[in-house]
Amino acid sequence: MIRVGGKSWKSQKTATKRSNLSASRKTPYEQRRAAAQLAKEIKQQEEEMKEERQQELEHRKKKIQERRQKKAEKERFELLQAKMHQKSVDRIKRRAKKSKLING
């Protein structure tokens, strides 16, 4: 068969063979799109799970930090209360000493 352009020495080109194509191109477009959609959904679920886990860890850290703050505040308050008690005891002793000196 002679080509239209008159170049008889050039071979006639044929359609590409499906066996030469990659496996992804052999599958129908709809099927590839469905697989991509499924992969996208899975990735989204994984990200949601990861985010949920991260929030849980943050909540735990916050809870521990609050507990430590409360404990430190309680210790500080107890120390302050003991100091205040000691001050009041010292005040009573001084008053007793003064009254003893005055009353003889």
C-alpha atoms as a PDB file:
ATOM      1  CA  MET A   1       0.000   0.000   0.000  1.00  0.00           C
ATOM      2  CA  ILE A   2       1.479   3.291  -1.074  1.00  0.00           C
ATOM      3  CA  ARG A   3       1.259   6.235   1.272  1.00  0.00           C
ATOM      4  CA  VAL A   4      -0.614   9.365   0.294  1.00  0.00           C
ATOM      5  CA  GLY A   5       2.506  11.522   0.437  1.00  0.00           C
ATOM      6  CA  GLY A   6       4.269   9.236  -1.993  1.00  0.00           C
ATOM      7  CA  LYS A   7       6.876   8.047   0.496  1.00  0.00           C
ATOM      8  CA  SER A   8       6.685   4.373  -0.278  1.00  0.00           C
ATOM      9  CA  TRP A   9       9.836   3.557   1.671  1.00  0.00           C
ATOM     10  CA  LYS A  10       8.188   4.544   4.967  1.00  0.00           C
ATOM     11  CA  SER A  11       6.074   1.863   6.616  1.00  0.00           C
ATOM     12  CA  GLN A  12       2.451   2.419   7.430  1.00  0.00           C
ATOM     13  CA  LYS A  13       1.920   3.203  11.130  1.00  0.00           C
ATOM     14  CA  THR A  14      -0.511   1.109  13.121  1.00  0.00           C
ATOM     15  CA  ALA A  15      -2.290   1.684  16.394  1.00  0.00           C
ATOM     16  CA  THR A  16      -0.254   1.050  19.534  1.00  0.00           C
ATOM     17  CA  LYS A  17      -0.568  -2.413  20.926  1.00  0.00           C
ATOM     18  CA  ARG A  18      -2.275  -2.711  24.306  1.00  0.00           C
ATOM     19  CA  SER A  19       0.409  -5.148  25.489  1.00  0.00           C
ATOM     20  CA  ASN A  20       2.990  -2.367  25.363  1.00  0.00           C
ATOM     21  CA  LEU A  21       0.999  -0.158  27.699  1.00  0.00           C
ATOM     22  CA  SER A  22       1.490  -0.167  31.452  1.00  0.00           C
ATOM     23  CA  ALA A  23      -0.927  -2.065  33.664  1.00  0.00           C
ATOM     24  CA  SER A  24      -2.471   1.157  34.969  1.00  0.00           C
ATOM     25  CA  ARG A  25      -3.377   2.276  31.432  1.00  0.00           C
ATOM     26  CA  LYS A  26      -4.969  -1.057  30.562  1.00  0.00           C
ATOM     27  CA  THR A  27      -7.612  -0.661  33.273  1.00  0.00           C
ATOM     28  CA  PRO A  28     -10.672   1.396  32.394  1.00  0.00           C
ATOM     29  CA  TYR A  29     -10.751   5.038  33.481  1.00  0.00           C
ATOM     30  CA  GLU A  30     -13.755   4.585  35.777  1.00  0.00           C
ATOM     31  CA  GLN A  31     -12.008   1.762  37.604  1.00  0.00           C
ATOM     32  CA  ARG A  32      -8.844   3.831  38.049  1.00  0.00           C
ATOM     33  CA  ARG A  33     -10.893   6.779  39.292  1.00  0.00           C
ATOM     34  CA  ALA A  34     -12.724   4.560  41.808  1.00  0.00           C
ATOM     35  CA  ALA A  35      -9.393   3.203  43.092  1.00  0.00           C
ATOM     36  CA  ALA A  36      -8.028   6.731  43.448  1.00  0.00           C
ATOM     37  CA  GLN A  37     -11.165   7.780  45.335  1.00  0.00           C
ATOM     38  CA  LEU A  38     -10.827   4.802  47.671  1.00  0.00           C
ATOM     39  CA  ALA A  39      -7.171   5.654  48.326  1.00  0.00           C
ATOM     40  CA  LYS A  40      -8.150   9.255  49.031  1.00  0.00           C
ATOM     41  CA  GLU A  41     -10.819   8.169  51.542  1.00  0.00           C
ATOM     42  CA  ILE A  42      -8.376   5.835  53.299  1.00  0.00           C
ATOM     43  CA  LYS A  43      -5.806   8.604  53.547  1.00  0.00           C
ATOM     44  CA  GLN A  44      -8.420  10.965  54.967  1.00  0.00           C
ATOM     45  CA  GLN A  45      -9.457   8.395  57.584  1.00  0.00           C
ATOM     46  CA  GLU A  46      -5.821   7.873  58.563  1.00  0.00           C
ATOM     47  CA  GLU A  47      -5.331  11.609  58.986  1.00  0.00           C
ATOM     48  CA  GLU A  48      -8.488  11.843  61.118  1.00  0.00           C
ATOM     49  CA  MET A  49      -7.283   8.991  63.309  1.00  0.00           C
ATOM     50  CA  LYS A  50      -3.853  10.592  63.627  1.00  0.00           C
ATOM     51  CA  GLU A  51      -5.411  13.932  64.544  1.00  0.00           C
ATOM     52  CA  GLU A  52      -7.687  12.270  67.096  1.00  0.00           C
ATOM     53  CA  ARG A  53      -4.705  10.504  68.672  1.00  0.00           C
ATOM     54  CA  GLN A  54      -2.779  13.779  68.754  1.00  0.00           C
ATOM     55  CA  GLN A  55      -5.681  15.505  70.511  1.00  0.00           C
ATOM     56  CA  GLU A  56      -5.864  12.691  73.045  1.00  0.00           C
ATOM     57  CA  LEU A  57      -2.137  13.030  73.777  1.00  0.00           C
ATOM     58  CA  GLU A  58      -2.490  16.800  74.152  1.00  0.00           C
ATOM     59  CA  HIS A  59      -5.418  16.265  76.547  1.00  0.00           C
ATOM     60  CA  ARG A  60      -3.351  13.852  78.641  1.00  0.00           C
ATOM     61  CA  LYS A  61      -0.407  16.264  78.749  1.00  0.00           C
ATOM     62  CA  LYS A  62      -2.689  19.106  79.779  1.00  0.00           C
ATOM     63  CA  LYS A  63      -4.292  16.971  82.497  1.00  0.00           C
ATOM     64  CA  ILE A  64      -0.893  15.972  83.911  1.00  0.00           C
ATOM     65  CA  GLN A  65       0.302  19.565  83.816  1.00  0.00           C
ATOM     66  CA  GLU A  66      -2.817  20.776  85.640  1.00  0.00           C
ATOM     67  CA  ARG A  67      -2.377  18.062  88.263  1.00  0.00           C
ATOM     68  CA  ARG A  68       1.241  19.101  88.837  1.00  0.00           C
ATOM     69  CA  GLN A  69       0.227  22.751  89.120  1.00  0.00           C
ATOM     70  CA  LYS A  70      -2.449  21.907  91.679  1.00  0.00           C
ATOM     71  CA  LYS A  71       0.031  19.846  93.690  1.00  0.00           C
ATOM     72  CA  ALA A  72       2.617  22.653  93.670  1.00  0.00           C
ATOM     73  CA  GLU A  73      -0.043  25.200  94.648  1.00  0.00           C
ATOM     74  CA  LYS A  74      -1.214  22.949  97.489  1.00  0.00           C
ATOM     75  CA  GLU A  75       2.345  22.472  98.783  1.00  0.00           C
ATOM     76  CA  ARG A  76       2.953  26.213  98.602  1.00  0.00           C
ATOM     77  CA  PHE A  77      -0.283  26.895 100.450  1.00  0.00           C
ATOM     78  CA  GLU A  78       0.565  24.350 103.172  1.00  0.00           C
ATOM     79  CA  LEU A  79       4.011  25.872 103.595  1.00  0.00           C
ATOM     80  CA  LEU A  80       2.486  29.333 103.814  1.00  0.00           C
ATOM     81  CA  GLN A  81      -0.089  28.110 106.318  1.00  0.00           C
ATOM     82  CA  ALA A  82       2.615  26.512 108.472  1.00  0.00           C
ATOM     83  CA  LYS A  83       4.631  29.720 108.333  1.00  0.00           C
ATOM     84  CA  MET A  84       1.582  31.776 109.281  1.00  0.00           C
ATOM     85  CA  HIS A  85       0.854  29.383 112.155  1.00  0.00           C
ATOM     86  CA  GLN A  86       4.447  29.734 113.363  1.00  0.00           C
ATOM     87  CA  LYS A  87       4.160  33.519 113.180  1.00  0.00           C
ATOM     88  CA  SER A  88       1.003  33.483 115.278  1.00  0.00           C
ATOM     89  CA  VAL A  89       2.656  31.166 117.844  1.00  0.00           C
ATOM     90  CA  ASP A  90       5.664  33.518 118.020  1.00  0.00           C
ATOM     91  CA  ARG A  91       3.337  36.500 118.476  1.00  0.00           C
ATOM     92  CA  ILE A  92       1.543  34.787 121.394  1.00  0.00           C
ATOM     93  CA  LYS A  93       4.891  33.939 123.034  1.00  0.00           C
ATOM     94  CA  ARG A  94       6.069  37.540 122.721  1.00  0.00           C
ATOM     95  CA  ARG A  95       2.834  38.814 124.224  1.00  0.00           C
ATOM     96  CA  ALA A  96       3.118  36.317 127.067  1.00  0.00           C
ATOM     97  CA  LYS A  97       6.719  37.407 127.663  1.00  0.00           C
ATOM     98  CA  LYS A  98       5.705  41.070 127.696  1.00  0.00           C
ATOM     99  CA  SER A  99       2.811  40.470 130.103  1.00  0.00           C
ATOM    100  CA  LYS A 100       5.112  38.419 132.313  1.00  0.00           C
ATOM    101  CA  LEU A 101       7.606  41.279 132.438  1.00  0.00           C
ATOM    102  CA  ILE A 102       4.874  43.808 133.123  1.00  0.00           C
ATOM    103  CA  ASN A 103       2.936  41.751 135.686  1.00  0.00           C
ATOM    104  CA  GLY A 104       6.080  40.470 137.311  1.00  0.00           C
END
